[in-house]
N, C-alpha and C. Protein backbone atom coordinates (compact mmCIF):
# COMPACT_ATOMS: atom_id res chain seq x y z
N UNK A 1 -69.69 -26.05 4.05
CA UNK A 1 -69.23 -26.02 3.01
C UNK A 1 -67.72 -25.22 2.95
N UNK A 2 -66.51 -25.89 2.69
CA UNK A 2 -65.59 -24.83 2.72
C UNK A 2 -65.32 -23.73 1.56
N UNK A 3 -64.99 -22.64 2.26
CA UNK A 3 -64.95 -21.72 0.70
C UNK A 3 -63.12 -21.41 0.76
N UNK A 4 -62.94 -20.91 -0.65
CA UNK A 4 -61.55 -20.83 -1.24
C UNK A 4 -61.40 -19.37 -0.68
N UNK A 5 -60.13 -19.42 -0.39
CA UNK A 5 -59.48 -18.02 0.22
C UNK A 5 -58.86 -17.37 -0.78
N UNK A 6 -58.88 -16.14 -1.04
CA UNK A 6 -58.11 -15.45 -1.88
C UNK A 6 -57.31 -14.33 -1.54
N UNK A 7 -56.75 -14.87 -0.44
CA UNK A 7 -55.61 -14.38 0.29
C UNK A 7 -54.25 -14.60 0.30
N UNK A 8 -53.84 -14.65 -1.05
CA UNK A 8 -52.82 -15.59 -1.22
C UNK A 8 -51.54 -14.54 -0.89
N UNK A 9 -50.13 -15.37 -0.08
CA UNK A 9 -49.28 -14.44 0.36
C UNK A 9 -48.34 -14.88 -0.73
N UNK A 10 -46.99 -13.84 -1.19
CA UNK A 10 -45.89 -14.00 -2.24
C UNK A 10 -46.18 -13.23 -2.91
N UNK A 11 -44.98 -13.24 -4.41
CA UNK A 11 -45.31 -12.31 -5.14
C UNK A 11 -45.41 -12.59 -6.30
N UNK A 12 -46.02 -11.80 -7.52
CA UNK A 12 -46.39 -12.82 -8.46
C UNK A 12 -44.87 -12.91 -9.21
N UNK A 13 -45.01 -13.33 -10.87
CA UNK A 13 -43.87 -13.64 -11.70
C UNK A 13 -43.32 -11.87 -12.18
N UNK A 14 -44.12 -11.13 -12.17
CA UNK A 14 -44.20 -9.89 -12.89
C UNK A 14 -43.15 -8.98 -11.48
N UNK A 15 -43.92 -9.32 -10.43
CA UNK A 15 -43.06 -8.41 -9.71
C UNK A 15 -41.51 -9.28 -9.37
N UNK A 16 -41.36 -10.44 -9.40
CA UNK A 16 -40.12 -11.12 -9.05
C UNK A 16 -39.00 -10.83 -10.65
N UNK A 17 -39.69 -10.84 -11.76
CA UNK A 17 -38.80 -10.02 -12.99
C UNK A 17 -38.51 -8.53 -12.57
N UNK A 18 -39.35 -7.67 -12.15
CA UNK A 18 -38.88 -6.47 -11.81
C UNK A 18 -37.95 -6.07 -10.93
N UNK A 19 -37.97 -6.93 -9.73
CA UNK A 19 -37.01 -6.81 -8.64
C UNK A 19 -35.59 -7.41 -9.29
N UNK A 20 -35.77 -8.57 -10.29
CA UNK A 20 -34.35 -8.90 -10.75
C UNK A 20 -33.98 -8.04 -11.88
N UNK A 21 -34.67 -7.50 -12.60
CA UNK A 21 -34.15 -6.11 -13.68
C UNK A 21 -33.18 -5.18 -12.55
N UNK A 22 -34.12 -4.50 -11.59
CA UNK A 22 -33.67 -3.69 -10.89
C UNK A 22 -32.15 -4.13 -9.85
N UNK A 23 -32.34 -5.31 -9.64
CA UNK A 23 -30.98 -5.73 -9.17
C UNK A 23 -29.90 -5.58 -10.12
N UNK A 24 -30.22 -5.91 -11.34
CA UNK A 24 -28.95 -6.21 -12.30
C UNK A 24 -28.54 -4.72 -12.96
N UNK A 25 -29.41 -3.47 -12.78
CA UNK A 25 -28.98 -2.57 -13.02
C UNK A 25 -28.31 -1.60 -11.86
N UNK A 26 -28.93 -2.26 -10.76
CA UNK A 26 -28.28 -1.23 -9.84
C UNK A 26 -26.53 -2.21 -9.59
N UNK A 27 -26.35 -3.06 -9.90
CA UNK A 27 -25.15 -3.81 -10.19
C UNK A 27 -24.11 -3.79 -11.18
N UNK A 28 -25.13 -2.99 -12.79
CA UNK A 28 -23.96 -2.37 -13.60
C UNK A 28 -23.40 -1.18 -13.10
N UNK A 29 -24.27 -0.07 -12.12
CA UNK A 29 -23.56 0.65 -11.90
C UNK A 29 -22.20 0.84 -10.56
N UNK A 30 -22.84 -0.51 -9.78
CA UNK A 30 -21.82 -0.80 -8.44
C UNK A 30 -20.48 -1.63 -9.15
N UNK A 31 -20.59 -2.06 -10.04
CA UNK A 31 -19.43 -3.21 -10.29
C UNK A 31 -18.03 -1.84 -10.64
N UNK A 32 -18.11 -1.50 -11.44
CA UNK A 32 -17.19 -0.17 -11.62
C UNK A 32 -16.44 0.42 -10.47
N UNK A 33 -17.25 0.81 -9.79
CA UNK A 33 -16.83 1.72 -8.33
C UNK A 33 -16.14 0.37 -7.28
N UNK A 34 -17.25 -0.65 -7.28
CA UNK A 34 -16.32 -2.07 -6.32
C UNK A 34 -14.88 -2.00 -7.14
N UNK A 35 -14.60 -2.22 -8.28
CA UNK A 35 -13.00 -2.51 -8.67
C UNK A 35 -12.13 -1.48 -8.61
N UNK A 36 -12.34 -0.25 -8.43
CA UNK A 36 -11.92 1.12 -8.06
C UNK A 36 -11.43 0.88 -6.75
N UNK A 37 -12.49 0.56 -5.73
CA UNK A 37 -12.38 0.46 -4.65
C UNK A 37 -11.37 -0.84 -4.29
N UNK A 38 -11.58 -1.89 -5.06
CA UNK A 38 -10.47 -2.98 -4.70
C UNK A 38 -8.94 -2.49 -5.23
N UNK A 39 -8.98 -1.93 -6.42
CA UNK A 39 -7.61 -1.83 -6.24
C UNK A 39 -7.09 -0.69 -5.67
N UNK A 40 -7.68 0.25 -5.00
CA UNK A 40 -7.14 1.14 -4.36
C UNK A 40 -6.75 0.96 -2.80
N UNK A 41 -7.49 -0.38 -2.68
CA UNK A 41 -7.38 -0.87 -1.11
C UNK A 41 -5.98 -1.65 -1.61
N UNK A 42 -5.60 -2.28 -2.80
CA UNK A 42 -4.15 -2.81 -2.85
C UNK A 42 -2.92 -1.46 -3.14
N UNK A 43 -3.06 -0.81 -3.39
CA UNK A 43 -2.73 0.36 -3.16
C UNK A 43 -1.94 1.03 -1.57
N UNK A 44 -3.51 0.69 -0.84
CA UNK A 44 -3.19 1.23 0.80
C UNK A 44 -2.41 -0.03 0.99
N UNK A 45 -2.61 -1.26 0.94
CA UNK A 45 -1.93 -2.03 1.50
C UNK A 45 -0.46 -2.17 1.20
N UNK A 46 -0.33 -1.93 0.22
CA UNK A 46 1.22 -2.14 -0.75
C UNK A 46 1.86 -1.03 0.01
N UNK A 47 1.20 0.17 0.42
CA UNK A 47 1.98 1.53 0.81
C UNK A 47 2.26 1.26 2.56
N UNK A 48 1.29 0.76 2.93
CA UNK A 48 1.31 0.53 4.54
C UNK A 48 2.16 -0.83 4.71
N UNK A 49 2.35 -1.58 3.64
CA UNK A 49 3.71 -2.64 3.95
C UNK A 49 4.99 -2.34 3.86
N UNK A 50 5.34 -1.00 2.83
CA UNK A 50 6.35 -0.55 3.11
C UNK A 50 6.88 0.39 4.15
N UNK A 51 5.65 1.10 4.38
CA UNK A 51 5.92 1.73 5.90
C UNK A 51 6.41 0.97 7.17
N UNK A 52 5.57 -0.09 6.90
CA UNK A 52 5.46 -0.75 8.08
C UNK A 52 7.01 -1.46 8.19
N UNK A 53 7.68 -1.98 7.37
CA UNK A 53 8.52 -2.54 6.69
C UNK A 53 10.01 -1.46 7.27
N UNK A 54 10.07 -0.28 7.06
CA UNK A 54 10.62 0.76 7.21
C UNK A 54 10.70 1.45 8.77
N UNK A 55 9.26 1.26 9.50
CA UNK A 55 9.16 1.43 10.72
C UNK A 55 9.97 0.11 11.69
N UNK A 56 9.96 -1.17 11.55
CA UNK A 56 10.41 -2.38 11.42
C UNK A 56 12.28 -2.48 11.73
N UNK A 57 12.51 -1.63 10.15
CA UNK A 57 14.03 -1.56 10.30
C UNK A 57 14.48 -0.26 10.96
N UNK A 58 13.72 0.44 11.40
CA UNK A 58 14.37 1.68 12.41
C UNK A 58 13.95 0.89 13.99
N UNK A 59 13.15 0.26 14.10
CA UNK A 59 13.33 -0.37 15.49
C UNK A 59 14.33 -1.17 15.72
N UNK A 60 14.31 -2.32 14.50
CA UNK A 60 15.43 -2.72 15.09
C UNK A 60 16.49 -2.69 15.04
N UNK A 61 16.83 -1.71 14.30
CA UNK A 61 18.37 -0.96 14.27
C UNK A 61 18.39 -0.32 15.44
N UNK A 62 17.36 0.22 16.47
CA UNK A 62 17.84 0.63 18.00
C UNK A 62 17.71 -0.61 18.66
N UNK A 63 16.75 -1.36 18.78
CA UNK A 63 17.13 -2.51 19.47
C UNK A 63 18.34 -3.12 19.60
N UNK A 64 18.87 -3.57 18.63
CA UNK A 64 20.37 -4.23 18.10
C UNK A 64 21.43 -3.37 18.59
N UNK A 65 21.05 -2.13 18.23
CA UNK A 65 22.00 -1.12 18.30
C UNK A 65 23.52 -1.36 17.27
N UNK A 66 22.66 -1.89 15.90
CA UNK A 66 23.77 -2.00 14.66
C UNK A 66 22.95 -1.44 13.94
N UNK A 67 23.88 -1.54 12.36
CA UNK A 67 23.02 -0.93 11.06
C UNK A 67 21.98 -2.09 10.80
N UNK A 68 20.67 -1.66 10.16
CA UNK A 68 19.49 -2.27 10.01
C UNK A 68 19.34 -1.96 8.78
N UNK A 69 18.77 -2.47 7.67
CA UNK A 69 18.50 -2.00 6.15
C UNK A 69 17.14 -2.78 5.75
N UNK A 70 16.25 -1.68 5.25
CA UNK A 70 15.10 -2.06 4.32
C UNK A 70 15.52 -1.81 2.98
N UNK A 71 15.06 -3.27 2.24
CA UNK A 71 15.64 -3.25 0.94
C UNK A 71 14.34 -3.46 -0.22
N UNK A 72 14.13 -2.53 -1.04
CA UNK A 72 12.74 -2.94 -1.87
C UNK A 72 13.18 -3.50 -2.77
N UNK A 73 12.68 -5.02 -3.11
CA UNK A 73 13.11 -5.94 -4.24
C UNK A 73 12.22 -5.67 -5.43
N UNK A 74 12.74 -5.18 -6.56
CA UNK A 74 12.17 -4.90 -7.75
C UNK A 74 11.07 -3.77 -7.80
N UNK A 75 10.41 -3.38 -8.00
CA UNK A 75 9.43 -2.28 -8.65
C UNK A 75 7.88 -2.51 -8.14
N UNK A 76 7.76 -3.55 -7.93
CA UNK A 76 6.32 -3.67 -7.05
C UNK A 76 6.51 -3.41 -5.22
N UNK A 77 5.74 -4.19 -4.58
CA UNK A 77 5.76 -3.77 -2.99
C UNK A 77 6.71 -4.95 -2.35
N UNK A 78 7.47 -5.52 -2.82
CA UNK A 78 8.00 -6.71 -1.97
C UNK A 78 9.45 -5.86 -1.36
N UNK A 79 9.94 -6.43 -0.19
CA UNK A 79 10.77 -6.01 0.63
C UNK A 79 11.60 -6.91 1.44
N UNK A 80 12.82 -6.63 2.10
CA UNK A 80 12.95 -7.57 3.20
C UNK A 80 14.14 -6.72 4.09
N UNK A 81 13.90 -6.74 5.06
CA UNK A 81 14.57 -6.21 6.41
C UNK A 81 15.99 -7.20 6.51
N UNK A 82 16.59 -6.74 6.77
CA UNK A 82 17.97 -7.22 7.20
C UNK A 82 19.29 -6.61 8.10
N UNK A 83 19.96 -7.57 8.90
CA UNK A 83 20.97 -6.87 9.25
C UNK A 83 21.80 -6.28 8.30
N UNK A 84 22.41 -4.97 8.19
CA UNK A 84 23.20 -4.42 7.22
C UNK A 84 24.51 -5.46 6.71
N UNK A 85 24.54 -5.77 5.73
CA UNK A 85 25.99 -6.55 5.62
C UNK A 85 27.03 -5.42 5.51
N UNK A 86 27.98 -6.30 5.76
CA UNK A 86 29.65 -5.35 5.73
C UNK A 86 30.55 -6.36 4.41
N UNK A 87 31.20 -5.44 3.64
CA UNK A 87 30.55 -4.00 3.47
C UNK A 87 29.64 -4.31 2.82
N UNK A 88 28.68 -2.72 2.81
CA UNK A 88 27.53 -2.27 2.40
C UNK A 88 26.91 -2.95 1.01
N UNK A 89 25.66 -3.62 1.23
CA UNK A 89 24.97 -4.13 -0.36
C UNK A 89 23.64 -4.90 0.02
N UNK A 90 22.93 -5.31 -0.37
CA UNK A 90 21.88 -5.81 -0.61
C UNK A 90 21.86 -6.79 0.39
N UNK A 91 20.11 -6.92 0.91
CA UNK A 91 19.65 -8.51 1.83
C UNK A 91 20.26 -9.42 1.23
N UNK A 92 20.39 -10.48 1.61
CA UNK A 92 20.84 -11.72 0.91
C UNK A 92 19.32 -12.15 0.65
N UNK A 93 19.49 -12.94 -0.86
CA UNK A 93 18.49 -13.42 -1.50
C UNK A 93 18.67 -14.92 -2.03
N UNK A 94 18.38 -15.92 -1.46
CA UNK A 94 16.89 -16.27 -0.56
C UNK A 94 17.34 -15.84 0.76
N UNK A 95 16.49 -15.34 1.92
CA UNK A 95 16.89 -14.66 3.20
C UNK A 95 17.83 -15.84 3.70
N UNK A 96 18.25 -15.31 4.97
CA UNK A 96 19.46 -16.42 5.76
C UNK A 96 19.39 -15.94 6.66
N UNK A 97 20.27 -16.23 7.85
CA UNK A 97 20.20 -15.75 9.36
C UNK A 97 20.36 -14.25 9.89
N UNK A 98 20.82 -13.30 8.56
CA UNK A 98 20.59 -12.19 8.68
C UNK A 98 19.40 -11.32 8.47
N UNK A 99 18.67 -12.16 7.86
CA UNK A 99 17.12 -11.46 7.69
C UNK A 99 16.45 -11.32 8.49
N UNK A 100 15.76 -10.32 8.79
CA UNK A 100 14.98 -10.05 10.14
C UNK A 100 13.06 -9.96 9.69
N UNK A 101 13.15 -9.94 8.65
CA UNK A 101 11.53 -10.12 8.12
C UNK A 101 11.76 -9.85 6.69
N UNK A 102 10.45 -10.35 5.68
CA UNK A 102 10.33 -10.44 4.14
C UNK A 102 8.91 -10.35 3.94
N UNK A 103 8.26 -9.34 2.97
CA UNK A 103 7.28 -9.53 2.57
C UNK A 103 7.30 -9.87 0.63
N UNK A 104 6.59 -10.98 0.44
CA UNK A 104 6.37 -10.56 -1.01
C UNK A 104 5.44 -9.99 -1.63
N UNK A 105 5.68 -9.93 -2.81
CA UNK A 105 4.69 -9.07 -3.91
C UNK A 105 3.03 -9.39 -3.63
N UNK A 106 2.98 -10.48 -3.28
CA UNK A 106 1.40 -11.37 -2.96
C UNK A 106 0.93 -11.05 -1.48
N UNK A 107 1.80 -10.42 -0.80
CA UNK A 107 1.31 -10.20 0.84
C UNK A 107 0.47 -8.90 0.85
N UNK A 108 -0.37 -9.14 0.83
CA UNK A 108 -1.31 -7.73 0.68
C UNK A 108 -1.06 -6.53 -0.57
N UNK A 109 -0.48 -7.16 -1.35
CA UNK A 109 -0.36 -6.05 -2.41
C UNK A 109 -0.54 -6.80 -3.85
N UNK A 110 0.33 -6.13 -4.96
CA UNK A 110 -0.23 -6.81 -6.31
C UNK A 110 0.75 -6.44 -7.49
N UNK A 111 0.87 -7.77 -8.25
CA UNK A 111 2.21 -7.48 -9.15
C UNK A 111 1.45 -6.13 -10.01
N UNK A 112 0.43 -5.63 -9.83
CA UNK A 112 0.09 -4.56 -10.53
C UNK A 112 0.61 -3.27 -10.29
N UNK A 113 0.86 -3.51 -8.90
CA UNK A 113 1.62 -2.10 -8.06
C UNK A 113 3.04 -1.84 -8.63
N UNK A 114 3.33 -0.49 -8.50
CA UNK A 114 4.24 -0.10 -9.17
C UNK A 114 4.89 1.10 -7.91
N UNK A 115 6.36 0.66 -7.36
CA UNK A 115 6.61 1.52 -6.23
C UNK A 115 8.22 2.52 -7.19
N UNK A 116 7.70 3.73 -6.69
CA UNK A 116 8.98 4.36 -7.37
C UNK A 116 9.80 5.33 -6.29
N UNK A 117 10.86 5.52 -6.43
CA UNK A 117 11.44 6.40 -5.11
C UNK A 117 12.48 7.77 -5.74
N UNK A 118 12.61 8.30 -4.63
CA UNK A 118 13.57 9.48 -5.25
C UNK A 118 14.80 9.21 -4.79
N UNK A 119 15.16 8.39 -3.97
CA UNK A 119 16.44 7.83 -3.74
C UNK A 119 16.29 6.60 -3.67
N UNK A 120 16.73 5.54 -4.15
CA UNK A 120 17.27 4.01 -4.55
C UNK A 120 17.59 3.71 -3.09
N UNK A 121 16.96 2.92 -2.65
CA UNK A 121 17.65 2.15 -1.14
C UNK A 121 18.42 1.13 -1.67
N UNK A 122 19.41 0.53 -0.81
CA UNK A 122 18.64 0.08 0.37
C UNK A 122 18.58 1.25 1.55
N UNK A 123 17.62 1.21 2.36
CA UNK A 123 17.45 2.12 3.44
C UNK A 123 17.96 2.04 4.86
N UNK A 124 19.50 2.34 5.01
CA UNK A 124 20.13 1.70 6.38
C UNK A 124 20.04 2.55 7.40
N UNK A 125 19.49 2.28 8.36
CA UNK A 125 19.28 2.80 9.87
C UNK A 125 20.58 2.48 10.84
N UNK A 126 20.76 3.71 11.55
CA UNK A 126 22.08 3.23 12.34
C UNK A 126 21.44 2.82 13.81
N UNK A 127 22.09 2.51 14.71
CA UNK A 127 22.05 2.14 16.14
C UNK A 127 20.77 3.10 16.83
N UNK A 128 21.08 4.57 16.18
CA UNK A 128 20.11 5.41 16.94
C UNK A 128 18.64 5.64 16.23
N UNK A 129 18.61 4.98 15.17
CA UNK A 129 17.27 5.12 14.30
C UNK A 129 17.46 6.06 13.47
N UNK A 130 18.37 6.63 12.94
CA UNK A 130 18.94 7.67 12.06
C UNK A 130 19.13 7.11 10.53
N UNK A 131 18.49 7.47 9.80
CA UNK A 131 18.73 7.12 8.04
C UNK A 131 20.10 7.53 7.85
N UNK A 132 21.12 6.28 7.63
CA UNK A 132 22.67 6.87 7.00
C UNK A 132 22.86 6.74 5.87
N UNK A 133 21.86 5.76 4.66
CA UNK A 133 21.84 5.71 3.53
C UNK A 133 20.77 5.14 2.98
N UNK A 134 20.55 5.77 1.67
CA UNK A 134 20.95 6.88 1.06
C UNK A 134 20.84 8.32 2.10
N UNK A 135 22.05 9.23 1.89
CA UNK A 135 21.27 10.73 2.50
C UNK A 135 20.95 11.51 1.97
N UNK A 136 19.78 11.59 2.20
CA UNK A 136 18.80 12.89 1.37
C UNK A 136 19.60 14.05 1.56
N UNK A 137 19.50 15.06 0.41
CA UNK A 137 20.01 16.36 0.52
C UNK A 137 19.55 16.99 1.84
N UNK A 138 19.90 18.23 2.07
CA UNK A 138 19.68 19.22 3.23
C UNK A 138 18.12 19.71 2.97
N UNK A 139 17.24 19.46 3.67
CA UNK A 139 15.65 19.68 3.97
C UNK A 139 15.21 19.15 2.63
N UNK A 140 15.40 18.33 2.56
CA UNK A 140 14.47 17.25 1.64
C UNK A 140 14.14 16.06 2.17
N UNK A 141 13.27 15.71 1.35
CA UNK A 141 12.29 14.17 1.99
C UNK A 141 12.50 13.10 0.88
N UNK A 142 12.57 11.81 1.71
CA UNK A 142 12.80 10.56 0.60
C UNK A 142 11.24 11.06 -0.10
N UNK A 143 10.64 10.22 -1.12
CA UNK A 143 9.60 10.34 -1.42
C UNK A 143 9.46 8.72 -1.92
N UNK A 144 8.62 7.91 -1.72
CA UNK A 144 8.22 6.37 -1.79
C UNK A 144 6.90 6.46 -2.78
N UNK A 145 6.96 6.65 -3.91
CA UNK A 145 5.58 6.57 -4.62
C UNK A 145 4.96 5.49 -4.94
N UNK A 146 3.64 5.05 -4.29
CA UNK A 146 3.15 3.63 -4.50
C UNK A 146 1.63 4.08 -5.56
N UNK A 147 1.87 3.41 -6.43
CA UNK A 147 0.61 3.42 -7.54
C UNK A 147 0.15 2.50 -8.05
N UNK A 148 -0.76 2.51 -9.28
CA UNK A 148 -1.12 0.91 -9.74
C UNK A 148 -0.67 1.49 -11.54
N UNK A 149 -0.59 0.38 -12.25
CA UNK A 149 -0.76 0.56 -13.40
C UNK A 149 -2.27 1.34 -14.06
N UNK A 150 -1.78 1.81 -14.85
CA UNK A 150 -3.05 2.50 -15.52
C UNK A 150 -3.97 1.51 -16.38
N UNK A 151 -3.13 0.55 -16.88
CA UNK A 151 -4.27 -0.05 -17.36
C UNK A 151 -5.02 -1.22 -17.02
N UNK A 152 -4.48 -1.35 -15.18
CA UNK A 152 -5.54 -1.77 -14.32
C UNK A 152 -6.40 -0.88 -14.20
N UNK A 153 -6.25 0.14 -13.89
CA UNK A 153 -6.99 1.31 -13.35
C UNK A 153 -6.96 2.71 -13.84
N UNK A 154 -7.55 3.09 -14.69
CA UNK A 154 -7.63 4.51 -14.74
C UNK A 154 -6.93 5.41 -13.88
N UNK A 155 -5.72 6.40 -14.64
CA UNK A 155 -5.30 7.45 -13.45
C UNK A 155 -6.14 8.22 -12.74
N UNK A 156 -7.13 8.65 -13.41
CA UNK A 156 -8.11 9.72 -12.57
C UNK A 156 -8.79 8.92 -11.67
N UNK A 157 -9.01 7.65 -11.45
CA UNK A 157 -9.75 6.65 -10.36
C UNK A 157 -8.64 5.90 -9.28
N UNK A 158 -7.34 6.42 -9.72
CA UNK A 158 -6.51 5.58 -8.49
C UNK A 158 -6.35 6.68 -7.56
N UNK A 159 -5.70 6.04 -6.62
CA UNK A 159 -5.69 7.24 -5.18
C UNK A 159 -4.02 6.87 -4.57
N UNK A 160 -3.17 6.93 -5.64
CA UNK A 160 -1.75 6.94 -5.50
C UNK A 160 -1.34 7.64 -3.90
N UNK A 161 -0.21 7.23 -3.32
CA UNK A 161 0.28 7.29 -1.93
C UNK A 161 1.53 7.67 -2.14
N UNK A 162 2.17 8.35 -1.11
CA UNK A 162 3.52 8.12 -0.86
C UNK A 162 3.88 8.04 0.28
N UNK A 163 4.95 7.62 0.68
CA UNK A 163 5.60 7.48 1.93
C UNK A 163 6.86 8.32 2.08
N UNK A 164 6.81 9.36 2.87
CA UNK A 164 7.92 10.34 2.84
C UNK A 164 8.74 10.08 4.09
N UNK A 165 9.87 10.01 3.97
CA UNK A 165 10.62 9.85 5.31
C UNK A 165 12.08 11.00 5.42
N UNK A 166 12.12 11.53 6.44
CA UNK A 166 13.55 12.41 6.69
C UNK A 166 14.29 11.69 7.33
N UNK A 167 15.43 12.43 7.12
CA UNK A 167 16.93 12.31 7.38
C UNK A 167 16.85 11.74 8.87
N UNK A 168 16.04 11.85 9.54
CA UNK A 168 15.84 11.94 11.07
C UNK A 168 15.35 10.02 10.84
N UNK A 169 14.72 9.64 9.89
CA UNK A 169 14.13 8.33 9.90
C UNK A 169 12.26 8.08 9.94
N UNK A 170 12.22 9.62 10.76
CA UNK A 170 10.75 9.04 10.86
C UNK A 170 9.57 8.88 9.31
N UNK A 171 8.78 7.87 8.97
CA UNK A 171 8.26 8.21 7.97
C UNK A 171 6.73 8.08 8.28
N UNK A 172 6.15 8.73 7.00
CA UNK A 172 4.72 8.73 7.10
C UNK A 172 4.19 8.76 5.82
N UNK A 173 2.77 8.22 6.00
CA UNK A 173 2.06 7.65 4.39
C UNK A 173 1.09 9.37 4.18
N UNK A 174 1.01 9.67 3.14
CA UNK A 174 0.40 10.72 2.56
C UNK A 174 0.09 10.74 1.13
N UNK A 175 -1.23 11.49 0.71
CA UNK A 175 -1.92 11.76 -0.72
C UNK A 175 -1.27 12.82 -1.39
N UNK A 176 -0.18 12.64 -2.14
CA UNK A 176 -0.03 13.38 -2.99
C UNK A 176 -1.23 14.28 -3.80
N UNK A 177 -2.04 13.83 -4.13
CA UNK A 177 -3.40 14.53 -5.00
C UNK A 177 -4.01 15.77 -4.25
N UNK A 178 -3.83 15.48 -2.99
CA UNK A 178 -4.26 16.53 -2.10
C UNK A 178 -3.63 17.91 -2.24
N UNK A 179 -4.18 19.02 -1.76
CA UNK A 179 -3.72 20.44 -2.10
C UNK A 179 -2.36 20.18 -1.09
N UNK A 180 -1.47 20.90 -1.37
CA UNK A 180 -0.03 21.07 -0.31
C UNK A 180 -0.18 22.03 0.49
N UNK A 181 -1.64 23.08 0.06
CA UNK A 181 -1.56 24.28 1.21
C UNK A 181 -2.84 24.13 1.93
N UNK A 182 -3.37 23.01 2.11
CA UNK A 182 -4.84 22.98 2.61
C UNK A 182 -4.09 22.46 4.12
N UNK A 183 -5.22 21.93 5.17
CA UNK A 183 -5.22 21.53 6.75
C UNK A 183 -5.20 19.99 6.52
N UNK A 184 -5.28 19.51 5.29
CA UNK A 184 -5.68 18.34 5.41
C UNK A 184 -4.52 17.30 5.96
N UNK A 185 -4.98 16.55 7.01
CA UNK A 185 -3.54 16.21 7.70
C UNK A 185 -2.99 14.88 6.63
N UNK A 186 -3.68 14.32 5.78
CA UNK A 186 -3.12 13.46 4.77
C UNK A 186 -2.52 13.95 3.61
N UNK A 187 -2.55 15.01 3.36
CA UNK A 187 -1.83 15.74 2.64
C UNK A 187 0.01 15.51 2.60
N UNK A 188 0.58 15.76 1.47
CA UNK A 188 2.26 15.51 1.46
C UNK A 188 2.49 17.25 1.58
N UNK A 189 3.39 16.80 2.15
CA UNK A 189 4.34 18.34 2.70
C UNK A 189 4.97 18.72 0.78
């Protein structure tokens, strides 16, 4: 005679509902952090893109031994690197044969990103890689601040970044929210 086995494997309906409820509670706490992480990644991508554009303009100026400029297009993270027009002016829009490289707002950034500068560009580098225009005052740095619209992410959650550039043309990405007196290498001078 066959006997019924009571060794059932699986889970009951109550265990399944408890698991779903637990996942829902954890998701509720994780979504705001995930949103802040995504927006801060957009700030980082935009700042890195602009810094890469500056480095490209400087390298191309040295390579070509002529003036090359980076122009920020609008208040978002779009930029264009071109051979500096003569007389000095803006890079061609739309791009033409003098354009070396361009980045649109949507390339790694977002329209909610805002870019502010202490000295407006275009940033012109000469054949030695030295920043020729705009000329910063003695012992000052050009600061390009990249942040996000406060309606998208509260300022307390935003990790704003700065690109600082010296008269020699070298640039560096830094965090203005870190103490300037500390030893953290990410801090701004």
